N, C-alpha and C. Protein backbone atom coordinates (compact mmCIF):
# COMPACT_ATOMS: atom_id res chain seq x y z
N ALA A 1 -55.85 -10.63 -92.14
CA ALA A 1 -55.00 -9.46 -92.06
C ALA A 1 -55.42 -8.55 -90.91
N SER A 2 -56.71 -8.55 -90.56
CA SER A 2 -57.16 -7.65 -89.49
C SER A 2 -56.67 -8.11 -88.12
N LYS A 3 -56.30 -9.39 -87.96
CA LYS A 3 -55.83 -9.89 -86.67
C LYS A 3 -54.37 -9.54 -86.42
N ARG A 4 -53.61 -9.24 -87.42
CA ARG A 4 -52.19 -8.95 -87.28
C ARG A 4 -51.91 -7.74 -86.38
N PRO A 5 -52.57 -6.58 -86.58
CA PRO A 5 -52.30 -5.46 -85.68
C PRO A 5 -52.69 -5.79 -84.23
N THR A 6 -53.78 -6.54 -84.04
CA THR A 6 -54.20 -6.90 -82.70
C THR A 6 -53.16 -7.80 -82.05
N ARG A 7 -52.62 -8.74 -82.79
CA ARG A 7 -51.59 -9.64 -82.26
C ARG A 7 -50.32 -8.87 -81.95
N THR A 8 -49.95 -7.95 -82.81
CA THR A 8 -48.76 -7.13 -82.57
C THR A 8 -48.96 -6.28 -81.32
N ALA A 9 -50.13 -5.68 -81.18
CA ALA A 9 -50.41 -4.87 -79.99
C ALA A 9 -50.35 -5.72 -78.73
N ALA A 10 -50.86 -6.94 -78.80
CA ALA A 10 -50.83 -7.84 -77.65
C ALA A 10 -49.39 -8.21 -77.28
N LEU A 11 -48.53 -8.34 -78.28
CA LEU A 11 -47.13 -8.66 -78.02
C LEU A 11 -46.37 -7.45 -77.47
N LEU A 12 -46.76 -6.26 -77.85
CA LEU A 12 -46.07 -5.06 -77.40
C LEU A 12 -46.52 -4.60 -76.01
N ARG A 13 -47.72 -4.98 -75.61
CA ARG A 13 -48.25 -4.54 -74.31
C ARG A 13 -47.33 -4.92 -73.15
N PRO A 14 -46.85 -6.18 -73.04
CA PRO A 14 -45.94 -6.51 -71.93
C PRO A 14 -44.63 -5.73 -72.01
N LEU A 15 -44.14 -5.49 -73.21
CA LEU A 15 -42.91 -4.72 -73.37
C LEU A 15 -43.12 -3.29 -72.87
N ALA A 16 -44.25 -2.69 -73.20
CA ALA A 16 -44.56 -1.33 -72.75
C ALA A 16 -44.67 -1.28 -71.23
N MET A 17 -45.29 -2.31 -70.63
CA MET A 17 -45.40 -2.36 -69.17
C MET A 17 -44.02 -2.47 -68.54
N LEU A 18 -43.16 -3.32 -69.10
CA LEU A 18 -41.81 -3.50 -68.59
C LEU A 18 -41.02 -2.20 -68.67
N LEU A 19 -41.14 -1.49 -69.79
CA LEU A 19 -40.45 -0.21 -69.94
C LEU A 19 -40.96 0.80 -68.92
N SER A 20 -42.25 0.82 -68.69
CA SER A 20 -42.83 1.74 -67.71
C SER A 20 -42.32 1.43 -66.30
N LEU A 21 -42.31 0.15 -65.93
CA LEU A 21 -41.79 -0.25 -64.63
C LEU A 21 -40.31 0.07 -64.49
N SER A 22 -39.55 -0.14 -65.54
CA SER A 22 -38.12 0.17 -65.51
C SER A 22 -37.89 1.66 -65.31
N ALA A 23 -38.70 2.48 -65.97
CA ALA A 23 -38.57 3.93 -65.81
C ALA A 23 -38.92 4.34 -64.38
N SER A 24 -39.96 3.74 -63.80
CA SER A 24 -40.34 4.06 -62.41
C SER A 24 -39.24 3.65 -61.45
N LEU A 25 -38.66 2.47 -61.66
CA LEU A 25 -37.57 2.01 -60.81
C LEU A 25 -36.37 2.93 -60.93
N ALA A 26 -36.02 3.31 -62.14
CA ALA A 26 -34.88 4.22 -62.34
C ALA A 26 -35.11 5.54 -61.64
N LEU A 27 -36.32 6.08 -61.73
CA LEU A 27 -36.64 7.34 -61.06
C LEU A 27 -36.54 7.20 -59.54
N SER A 28 -37.03 6.09 -59.01
CA SER A 28 -36.93 5.85 -57.56
C SER A 28 -35.48 5.75 -57.13
N LEU A 29 -34.66 5.05 -57.90
CA LEU A 29 -33.24 4.94 -57.56
C LEU A 29 -32.54 6.29 -57.61
N LEU A 30 -32.91 7.12 -58.57
CA LEU A 30 -32.33 8.47 -58.64
C LEU A 30 -32.72 9.29 -57.42
N ARG A 31 -33.97 9.18 -56.99
CA ARG A 31 -34.41 9.91 -55.80
C ARG A 31 -33.66 9.45 -54.56
N ILE A 32 -33.46 8.14 -54.43
CA ILE A 32 -32.71 7.61 -53.29
C ILE A 32 -31.26 8.09 -53.33
N ALA A 33 -30.65 8.05 -54.51
CA ALA A 33 -29.27 8.52 -54.65
C ALA A 33 -29.16 10.01 -54.30
N ALA A 34 -30.12 10.81 -54.76
CA ALA A 34 -30.10 12.24 -54.47
C ALA A 34 -30.24 12.49 -52.97
N ALA A 35 -31.11 11.74 -52.31
CA ALA A 35 -31.27 11.89 -50.86
C ALA A 35 -29.99 11.50 -50.13
N ALA A 36 -29.33 10.45 -50.59
CA ALA A 36 -28.08 10.02 -49.97
C ALA A 36 -26.99 11.08 -50.14
N VAL A 37 -26.93 11.69 -51.32
CA VAL A 37 -25.94 12.75 -51.56
C VAL A 37 -26.23 13.95 -50.66
N ARG A 38 -27.52 14.34 -50.55
CA ARG A 38 -27.88 15.47 -49.68
C ARG A 38 -27.51 15.17 -48.23
N LEU A 39 -27.78 13.95 -47.78
CA LEU A 39 -27.47 13.56 -46.41
C LEU A 39 -25.97 13.60 -46.16
N ALA A 40 -25.20 13.04 -47.09
CA ALA A 40 -23.74 13.02 -46.93
C ALA A 40 -23.18 14.44 -46.97
N ALA A 41 -23.68 15.28 -47.86
CA ALA A 41 -23.20 16.66 -47.96
C ALA A 41 -23.53 17.44 -46.69
N SER A 42 -24.73 17.25 -46.16
CA SER A 42 -25.12 17.95 -44.94
C SER A 42 -24.22 17.56 -43.78
N ALA A 43 -23.93 16.27 -43.68
CA ALA A 43 -23.06 15.80 -42.60
C ALA A 43 -21.64 16.33 -42.78
N ALA A 44 -21.13 16.31 -44.02
CA ALA A 44 -19.77 16.77 -44.29
C ALA A 44 -19.63 18.27 -44.02
N LEU A 45 -20.66 19.04 -44.27
CA LEU A 45 -20.62 20.48 -44.07
C LEU A 45 -20.99 20.87 -42.64
N GLY A 46 -21.30 19.89 -41.82
CA GLY A 46 -21.65 20.17 -40.44
C GLY A 46 -23.01 20.81 -40.28
N LEU A 47 -23.90 20.61 -41.23
CA LEU A 47 -25.23 21.21 -41.17
C LEU A 47 -26.20 20.42 -40.31
N ARG A 48 -25.79 19.24 -39.91
CA ARG A 48 -26.64 18.41 -39.06
C ARG A 48 -25.96 18.18 -37.73
N ASP A 49 -26.76 18.10 -36.72
CA ASP A 49 -26.27 17.76 -35.40
C ASP A 49 -25.94 16.26 -35.41
N PRO A 50 -24.71 15.87 -35.04
CA PRO A 50 -24.36 14.44 -35.05
C PRO A 50 -25.31 13.58 -34.22
N ALA A 51 -25.90 14.16 -33.18
CA ALA A 51 -26.84 13.38 -32.36
C ALA A 51 -28.08 13.01 -33.15
N ASP A 52 -28.45 13.83 -34.15
CA ASP A 52 -29.63 13.53 -34.96
C ASP A 52 -29.46 12.26 -35.78
N SER A 53 -28.22 11.92 -36.10
CA SER A 53 -28.01 10.74 -36.94
C SER A 53 -28.10 9.45 -36.15
N ALA A 54 -28.06 9.54 -34.83
CA ALA A 54 -28.19 8.34 -34.00
C ALA A 54 -29.63 7.87 -34.04
N CYS A 55 -29.83 6.65 -34.44
CA CYS A 55 -31.18 6.10 -34.55
C CYS A 55 -31.65 5.66 -33.18
N ALA A 56 -32.82 6.10 -32.79
CA ALA A 56 -33.38 5.75 -31.49
C ALA A 56 -34.22 4.48 -31.60
N CYS A 57 -33.73 3.54 -32.40
CA CYS A 57 -34.48 2.29 -32.55
C CYS A 57 -33.53 1.14 -32.86
N GLU A 58 -34.06 -0.05 -32.68
CA GLU A 58 -33.35 -1.27 -33.04
C GLU A 58 -34.29 -2.08 -33.92
N PHE A 59 -33.72 -2.79 -34.89
CA PHE A 59 -34.53 -3.62 -35.78
C PHE A 59 -34.36 -5.09 -35.43
N TYR A 60 -35.47 -5.81 -35.49
CA TYR A 60 -35.48 -7.24 -35.21
C TYR A 60 -36.15 -7.95 -36.37
N GLU A 61 -35.49 -8.96 -36.90
CA GLU A 61 -36.06 -9.75 -38.00
C GLU A 61 -36.51 -11.10 -37.48
N GLY A 62 -37.58 -11.59 -38.05
CA GLY A 62 -38.09 -12.87 -37.62
C GLY A 62 -38.98 -13.50 -38.67
N VAL A 63 -39.62 -14.57 -38.30
CA VAL A 63 -40.51 -15.30 -39.19
C VAL A 63 -41.83 -15.52 -38.46
N VAL A 64 -42.92 -15.22 -39.13
CA VAL A 64 -44.26 -15.44 -38.57
C VAL A 64 -44.85 -16.67 -39.22
N HIS A 65 -45.40 -17.54 -38.39
CA HIS A 65 -46.06 -18.76 -38.88
C HIS A 65 -47.53 -18.70 -38.47
N HIS A 66 -48.42 -18.87 -39.40
CA HIS A 66 -49.85 -18.98 -39.12
C HIS A 66 -50.28 -20.40 -39.45
N LEU A 67 -51.15 -20.95 -38.62
CA LEU A 67 -51.68 -22.29 -38.86
C LEU A 67 -53.18 -22.27 -38.60
N ARG A 68 -53.92 -22.73 -39.56
CA ARG A 68 -55.36 -22.93 -39.41
C ARG A 68 -55.62 -24.41 -39.62
N THR A 69 -56.42 -24.99 -38.74
CA THR A 69 -56.71 -26.42 -38.86
C THR A 69 -58.13 -26.69 -39.33
N LYS A 70 -59.02 -25.69 -39.23
CA LYS A 70 -60.40 -25.89 -39.63
C LYS A 70 -60.86 -24.71 -40.48
N PRO A 71 -61.71 -24.83 -41.39
CA PRO A 71 -62.33 -26.07 -41.87
C PRO A 71 -61.37 -26.90 -42.70
N LYS A 72 -60.30 -26.28 -43.20
CA LYS A 72 -59.30 -26.99 -43.98
C LYS A 72 -57.93 -26.54 -43.47
N ARG A 73 -57.00 -27.47 -43.38
CA ARG A 73 -55.67 -27.13 -42.89
C ARG A 73 -54.98 -26.18 -43.87
N HIS A 74 -54.43 -25.09 -43.31
CA HIS A 74 -53.72 -24.11 -44.13
C HIS A 74 -52.60 -23.49 -43.29
N THR A 75 -51.43 -23.34 -43.88
CA THR A 75 -50.32 -22.68 -43.19
C THR A 75 -49.80 -21.54 -44.05
N LEU A 76 -49.24 -20.57 -43.37
CA LEU A 76 -48.68 -19.40 -44.03
C LEU A 76 -47.45 -18.98 -43.24
N THR A 77 -46.35 -18.75 -43.91
CA THR A 77 -45.12 -18.32 -43.27
C THR A 77 -44.57 -17.13 -44.04
N TYR A 78 -44.14 -16.10 -43.29
CA TYR A 78 -43.52 -14.95 -43.95
C TYR A 78 -42.53 -14.27 -43.00
N ARG A 79 -41.59 -13.57 -43.58
CA ARG A 79 -40.56 -12.87 -42.82
C ARG A 79 -41.08 -11.49 -42.41
N VAL A 80 -40.66 -11.02 -41.24
CA VAL A 80 -41.03 -9.70 -40.75
C VAL A 80 -39.79 -8.98 -40.24
N ARG A 81 -39.89 -7.67 -40.20
CA ARG A 81 -38.82 -6.83 -39.64
C ARG A 81 -39.49 -5.79 -38.76
N TYR A 82 -39.35 -5.94 -37.46
CA TYR A 82 -39.95 -5.03 -36.50
C TYR A 82 -38.94 -4.00 -36.04
N CYS A 83 -39.45 -2.87 -35.60
CA CYS A 83 -38.63 -1.79 -35.08
C CYS A 83 -39.01 -1.58 -33.61
N LEU A 84 -38.03 -1.52 -32.74
CA LEU A 84 -38.24 -1.25 -31.32
C LEU A 84 -37.77 0.18 -31.07
N LEU A 85 -38.72 1.07 -30.76
CA LEU A 85 -38.44 2.50 -30.59
C LEU A 85 -38.41 2.89 -29.13
N ASP A 86 -37.53 3.81 -28.80
CA ASP A 86 -37.54 4.45 -27.49
C ASP A 86 -38.46 5.65 -27.62
N LEU A 87 -39.60 5.63 -26.96
CA LEU A 87 -40.57 6.71 -27.11
C LEU A 87 -40.12 8.03 -26.47
N ASP A 88 -39.06 7.98 -25.69
CA ASP A 88 -38.54 9.23 -25.10
C ASP A 88 -37.49 9.89 -25.99
N ALA A 89 -37.13 9.25 -27.08
CA ALA A 89 -36.12 9.83 -27.99
C ALA A 89 -36.66 11.12 -28.59
N ALA A 90 -35.76 12.06 -28.84
CA ALA A 90 -36.16 13.36 -29.36
C ALA A 90 -36.82 13.25 -30.73
N ARG A 91 -36.26 12.44 -31.59
CA ARG A 91 -36.80 12.29 -32.95
C ARG A 91 -36.85 10.81 -33.31
N PRO A 92 -38.02 10.33 -33.69
CA PRO A 92 -38.10 8.93 -34.12
C PRO A 92 -37.51 8.79 -35.52
N PRO A 93 -37.13 7.58 -35.91
CA PRO A 93 -36.64 7.37 -37.27
C PRO A 93 -37.74 7.66 -38.29
N ALA A 94 -37.35 8.10 -39.46
CA ALA A 94 -38.31 8.48 -40.50
C ALA A 94 -39.27 7.35 -40.86
N CYS A 95 -38.80 6.11 -40.79
CA CYS A 95 -39.66 4.98 -41.19
C CYS A 95 -40.82 4.76 -40.24
N CYS A 96 -40.79 5.39 -39.06
CA CYS A 96 -41.84 5.17 -38.07
C CYS A 96 -42.53 6.46 -37.61
N ALA A 97 -42.00 7.60 -37.98
CA ALA A 97 -42.50 8.88 -37.45
C ALA A 97 -44.00 9.07 -37.67
N ALA A 98 -44.49 8.82 -38.87
CA ALA A 98 -45.90 9.05 -39.18
C ALA A 98 -46.81 8.12 -38.38
N GLN A 99 -46.32 6.92 -38.07
CA GLN A 99 -47.14 5.95 -37.35
C GLN A 99 -47.35 6.34 -35.89
N LEU A 100 -46.49 7.19 -35.36
CA LEU A 100 -46.58 7.55 -33.95
C LEU A 100 -47.68 8.58 -33.68
N GLU A 101 -48.20 9.18 -34.73
CA GLU A 101 -49.22 10.21 -34.55
C GLU A 101 -50.48 9.71 -33.86
N ASP A 102 -50.85 8.46 -34.09
CA ASP A 102 -52.06 7.94 -33.45
C ASP A 102 -51.75 6.81 -32.46
N ARG A 103 -50.57 6.87 -31.88
CA ARG A 103 -50.17 5.91 -30.85
C ARG A 103 -50.01 6.65 -29.52
N LEU A 104 -49.87 5.89 -28.45
CA LEU A 104 -49.63 6.49 -27.14
C LEU A 104 -48.26 7.17 -27.11
N THR A 105 -48.16 8.25 -26.38
CA THR A 105 -46.85 8.85 -26.10
C THR A 105 -46.25 8.07 -24.92
N ALA A 106 -44.99 8.34 -24.63
CA ALA A 106 -44.36 7.69 -23.47
C ALA A 106 -45.12 8.05 -22.20
N ALA A 107 -45.51 9.31 -22.05
CA ALA A 107 -46.23 9.75 -20.84
C ALA A 107 -47.58 9.04 -20.72
N GLN A 108 -48.30 8.89 -21.83
CA GLN A 108 -49.59 8.20 -21.80
C GLN A 108 -49.42 6.72 -21.45
N ALA A 109 -48.39 6.08 -22.00
CA ALA A 109 -48.13 4.67 -21.69
C ALA A 109 -47.76 4.51 -20.22
N ARG A 110 -46.98 5.45 -19.68
CA ARG A 110 -46.63 5.39 -18.25
C ARG A 110 -47.88 5.52 -17.40
N SER A 111 -48.75 6.45 -17.76
CA SER A 111 -49.98 6.65 -17.00
C SER A 111 -50.87 5.40 -17.04
N GLU A 112 -50.99 4.81 -18.22
CA GLU A 112 -51.85 3.64 -18.37
C GLU A 112 -51.28 2.40 -17.67
N SER A 113 -49.95 2.26 -17.69
CA SER A 113 -49.32 1.08 -17.08
C SER A 113 -49.08 1.24 -15.59
N GLY A 114 -48.95 2.48 -15.13
CA GLY A 114 -48.66 2.71 -13.72
C GLY A 114 -47.17 2.66 -13.39
N TYR A 115 -46.31 2.62 -14.38
CA TYR A 115 -44.85 2.59 -14.16
C TYR A 115 -44.23 3.85 -14.74
N ASP A 116 -43.12 4.28 -14.11
CA ASP A 116 -42.56 5.59 -14.46
C ASP A 116 -41.20 5.54 -15.15
N GLY A 117 -40.83 4.42 -15.71
CA GLY A 117 -39.52 4.30 -16.37
C GLY A 117 -39.61 4.42 -17.88
N LYS A 118 -38.60 3.89 -18.51
CA LYS A 118 -38.49 3.93 -19.97
C LYS A 118 -39.66 3.19 -20.62
N VAL A 119 -40.09 3.70 -21.79
CA VAL A 119 -41.16 3.05 -22.57
C VAL A 119 -40.63 2.79 -23.97
N LEU A 120 -40.67 1.53 -24.38
CA LEU A 120 -40.28 1.14 -25.73
C LEU A 120 -41.52 0.69 -26.49
N LEU A 121 -41.53 0.90 -27.80
CA LEU A 121 -42.66 0.51 -28.63
C LEU A 121 -42.16 -0.38 -29.76
N LEU A 122 -42.78 -1.54 -29.91
CA LEU A 122 -42.45 -2.48 -30.99
C LEU A 122 -43.52 -2.39 -32.06
N LEU A 123 -43.11 -2.09 -33.30
CA LEU A 123 -44.06 -2.01 -34.42
C LEU A 123 -43.37 -2.35 -35.73
N LEU A 124 -44.19 -2.60 -36.73
CA LEU A 124 -43.66 -2.81 -38.08
C LEU A 124 -43.43 -1.44 -38.70
N PRO A 125 -42.22 -1.14 -39.17
CA PRO A 125 -41.99 0.17 -39.78
C PRO A 125 -42.75 0.30 -41.09
N GLY A 126 -43.12 1.53 -41.42
CA GLY A 126 -43.79 1.78 -42.69
C GLY A 126 -42.85 1.49 -43.84
N SER A 127 -43.43 1.17 -44.97
CA SER A 127 -42.63 0.88 -46.16
C SER A 127 -43.37 1.39 -47.38
N ALA A 128 -42.69 2.20 -48.18
CA ALA A 128 -43.26 2.74 -49.42
C ALA A 128 -44.60 3.43 -49.18
N GLY A 129 -44.72 4.08 -48.02
CA GLY A 129 -45.93 4.82 -47.72
C GLY A 129 -47.06 4.00 -47.15
N PHE A 130 -46.83 2.71 -46.89
CA PHE A 130 -47.87 1.85 -46.35
C PHE A 130 -47.54 1.46 -44.92
N GLU A 131 -48.58 1.31 -44.11
CA GLU A 131 -48.42 0.87 -42.73
C GLU A 131 -49.35 -0.30 -42.49
N GLU A 132 -48.84 -1.35 -41.89
CA GLU A 132 -49.65 -2.52 -41.55
C GLU A 132 -49.18 -2.98 -40.18
N ASN A 133 -49.94 -2.66 -39.15
CA ASN A 133 -49.59 -3.02 -37.79
C ASN A 133 -50.77 -3.66 -37.09
N PRO A 134 -50.98 -4.96 -37.27
CA PRO A 134 -52.10 -5.60 -36.58
C PRO A 134 -51.91 -5.60 -35.06
N ILE A 135 -50.64 -5.49 -34.62
CA ILE A 135 -50.37 -5.39 -33.18
C ILE A 135 -49.11 -4.57 -32.98
N VAL A 136 -49.17 -3.69 -32.00
CA VAL A 136 -47.98 -3.00 -31.51
C VAL A 136 -47.92 -3.27 -30.01
N VAL A 137 -46.70 -3.30 -29.47
CA VAL A 137 -46.53 -3.59 -28.05
C VAL A 137 -45.69 -2.49 -27.41
N TYR A 138 -46.19 -1.95 -26.30
CA TYR A 138 -45.46 -0.97 -25.49
C TYR A 138 -44.82 -1.74 -24.33
N TYR A 139 -43.52 -1.58 -24.14
CA TYR A 139 -42.79 -2.23 -23.04
C TYR A 139 -42.54 -1.15 -21.99
N CYS A 140 -43.18 -1.28 -20.84
CA CYS A 140 -43.13 -0.26 -19.79
C CYS A 140 -42.23 -0.75 -18.64
N HIS A 141 -41.23 0.07 -18.33
CA HIS A 141 -40.25 -0.26 -17.30
C HIS A 141 -40.49 0.59 -16.06
N ASP A 142 -39.98 0.11 -14.92
CA ASP A 142 -40.04 0.93 -13.71
C ASP A 142 -38.84 1.86 -13.69
N ALA A 143 -38.75 2.72 -12.68
CA ALA A 143 -37.68 3.72 -12.60
C ALA A 143 -36.30 3.07 -12.50
N ALA A 144 -36.24 1.84 -11.99
CA ALA A 144 -34.96 1.13 -11.87
C ALA A 144 -34.56 0.45 -13.17
N GLY A 145 -35.45 0.45 -14.17
CA GLY A 145 -35.13 -0.13 -15.47
C GLY A 145 -35.66 -1.52 -15.71
N ALA A 146 -36.40 -2.07 -14.74
CA ALA A 146 -36.94 -3.43 -14.90
C ALA A 146 -38.24 -3.38 -15.71
N LEU A 147 -38.38 -4.31 -16.65
CA LEU A 147 -39.62 -4.42 -17.43
C LEU A 147 -40.73 -4.93 -16.51
N ARG A 148 -41.81 -4.15 -16.39
CA ARG A 148 -42.88 -4.49 -15.46
C ARG A 148 -44.22 -4.78 -16.11
N CYS A 149 -44.49 -4.15 -17.27
CA CYS A 149 -45.81 -4.28 -17.88
C CYS A 149 -45.70 -4.12 -19.39
N CYS A 150 -46.53 -4.82 -20.10
CA CYS A 150 -46.63 -4.64 -21.55
C CYS A 150 -48.05 -4.22 -21.87
N LEU A 151 -48.18 -3.31 -22.82
CA LEU A 151 -49.49 -2.90 -23.32
C LEU A 151 -49.55 -3.31 -24.78
N ALA A 152 -50.54 -4.09 -25.15
CA ALA A 152 -50.72 -4.50 -26.55
C ALA A 152 -51.84 -3.67 -27.14
N GLU A 153 -51.62 -3.19 -28.35
CA GLU A 153 -52.65 -2.47 -29.08
C GLU A 153 -52.91 -3.27 -30.35
N VAL A 154 -54.11 -3.84 -30.44
CA VAL A 154 -54.45 -4.74 -31.54
C VAL A 154 -55.46 -4.05 -32.45
N THR A 155 -55.22 -4.13 -33.75
CA THR A 155 -56.11 -3.53 -34.73
C THR A 155 -56.62 -4.62 -35.66
N ASN A 156 -57.93 -4.65 -35.90
CA ASN A 156 -58.45 -5.58 -36.88
C ASN A 156 -58.60 -4.81 -38.19
N THR A 157 -57.59 -4.91 -39.01
CA THR A 157 -57.44 -4.11 -40.21
C THR A 157 -58.69 -3.99 -41.08
N PRO A 158 -59.40 -5.07 -41.38
CA PRO A 158 -60.55 -4.90 -42.27
C PRO A 158 -61.62 -3.96 -41.73
N TRP A 159 -61.76 -3.88 -40.39
CA TRP A 159 -62.83 -3.09 -39.81
C TRP A 159 -62.35 -1.80 -39.16
N GLY A 160 -61.05 -1.65 -38.92
CA GLY A 160 -60.51 -0.42 -38.34
C GLY A 160 -60.72 -0.27 -36.84
N ASP A 161 -61.12 -1.33 -36.15
CA ASP A 161 -61.29 -1.26 -34.70
C ASP A 161 -59.92 -1.38 -34.03
N ARG A 162 -59.81 -0.84 -32.84
CA ARG A 162 -58.55 -0.93 -32.10
C ARG A 162 -58.87 -1.14 -30.62
N VAL A 163 -58.14 -2.04 -29.98
CA VAL A 163 -58.31 -2.31 -28.56
C VAL A 163 -56.92 -2.38 -27.92
N ARG A 164 -56.84 -1.92 -26.69
CA ARG A 164 -55.57 -1.93 -25.97
C ARG A 164 -55.76 -2.65 -24.64
N PHE A 165 -54.79 -3.48 -24.26
CA PHE A 165 -54.89 -4.18 -22.99
C PHE A 165 -53.49 -4.42 -22.44
N ALA A 166 -53.41 -4.52 -21.11
CA ALA A 166 -52.14 -4.78 -20.43
C ALA A 166 -51.96 -6.28 -20.25
N PHE A 167 -50.70 -6.71 -20.27
CA PHE A 167 -50.40 -8.10 -19.96
C PHE A 167 -49.02 -8.19 -19.33
N ALA A 168 -48.79 -9.25 -18.59
CA ALA A 168 -47.52 -9.46 -17.90
C ALA A 168 -46.43 -9.78 -18.92
N PRO A 169 -45.21 -9.25 -18.73
CA PRO A 169 -44.12 -9.56 -19.66
C PRO A 169 -43.84 -11.05 -19.78
N SER A 170 -44.15 -11.83 -18.75
CA SER A 170 -43.93 -13.28 -18.80
C SER A 170 -45.00 -13.98 -19.62
N GLY A 171 -46.09 -13.25 -19.96
CA GLY A 171 -47.16 -13.82 -20.77
C GLY A 171 -48.44 -13.95 -19.98
N ASP A 172 -49.54 -13.81 -20.67
CA ASP A 172 -50.87 -13.94 -20.08
C ASP A 172 -51.79 -14.55 -21.11
N GLU A 173 -52.86 -15.22 -20.65
CA GLU A 173 -53.93 -15.66 -21.54
C GLU A 173 -55.09 -14.72 -21.34
N LEU A 174 -55.52 -14.09 -22.42
CA LEU A 174 -56.59 -13.11 -22.33
C LEU A 174 -57.71 -13.50 -23.29
N PRO A 175 -58.94 -13.14 -22.95
CA PRO A 175 -60.04 -13.44 -23.87
C PRO A 175 -59.95 -12.59 -25.13
N LYS A 176 -60.45 -13.13 -26.22
CA LYS A 176 -60.45 -12.41 -27.49
C LYS A 176 -61.36 -11.20 -27.36
N ALA A 177 -60.81 -10.00 -27.60
CA ALA A 177 -61.55 -8.77 -27.35
C ALA A 177 -62.34 -8.26 -28.56
N MET A 178 -61.99 -8.71 -29.74
CA MET A 178 -62.69 -8.22 -30.93
C MET A 178 -62.47 -9.17 -32.08
N HIS A 179 -63.25 -8.99 -33.12
CA HIS A 179 -63.13 -9.79 -34.34
C HIS A 179 -61.86 -9.38 -35.07
N VAL A 180 -60.98 -10.34 -35.36
CA VAL A 180 -59.71 -10.03 -36.00
C VAL A 180 -59.65 -10.56 -37.44
N SER A 181 -60.07 -11.78 -37.66
CA SER A 181 -59.95 -12.40 -38.97
C SER A 181 -61.28 -12.45 -39.70
N PRO A 182 -61.29 -12.08 -40.99
CA PRO A 182 -62.53 -12.21 -41.75
C PRO A 182 -62.87 -13.67 -42.03
N LEU A 183 -61.95 -14.58 -41.74
CA LEU A 183 -62.14 -16.00 -42.02
C LEU A 183 -62.60 -16.80 -40.81
N ARG A 184 -62.61 -16.15 -39.63
CA ARG A 184 -62.96 -16.87 -38.40
C ARG A 184 -63.97 -16.08 -37.61
N ASP A 185 -64.79 -16.80 -36.81
CA ASP A 185 -65.71 -16.10 -35.95
C ASP A 185 -65.02 -15.76 -34.63
N MET A 186 -65.73 -15.19 -33.70
CA MET A 186 -65.15 -14.75 -32.43
C MET A 186 -64.77 -15.90 -31.51
N ALA A 187 -65.23 -17.10 -31.77
CA ALA A 187 -64.95 -18.23 -30.87
C ALA A 187 -63.50 -18.59 -30.85
């Protein structure tokens, strides 16, 4: 008889977790709906500048494939969605604004690359308050609009190190500048 309450509690635990998750999801959906209503009302009442609604970014979806052959063969494939931002835009999209605080500005990228045209930045947009950008790329153009230089900023997430280097838009082979994977050595 003493095992019955324990068994009942064990059966109810997943139900309680499901109810808790459902409540969290419902609350999140309500917040999203409220934000959408506020946005629509602001636009309808003319409280927002129409230029503010123009997104200064483009999204690109793709698939990343990783392959390791040693010590044991392992592959990993996952979908990604990158955002290409114009760093000269007045306001970045909300999904990327916080990430720009510790990145180069357009002026800094121009100074580092030696070109004086448009600067675009490719990064993974934040999601649910999380940011994961093992690499971001700055595309530096000349005054005539031609892509002349790329700056890569690589972060080794487990250790928090960051290194930046220039490379040709057509591609370059560069030596490994820092430890990136906890599973591999520097070789």
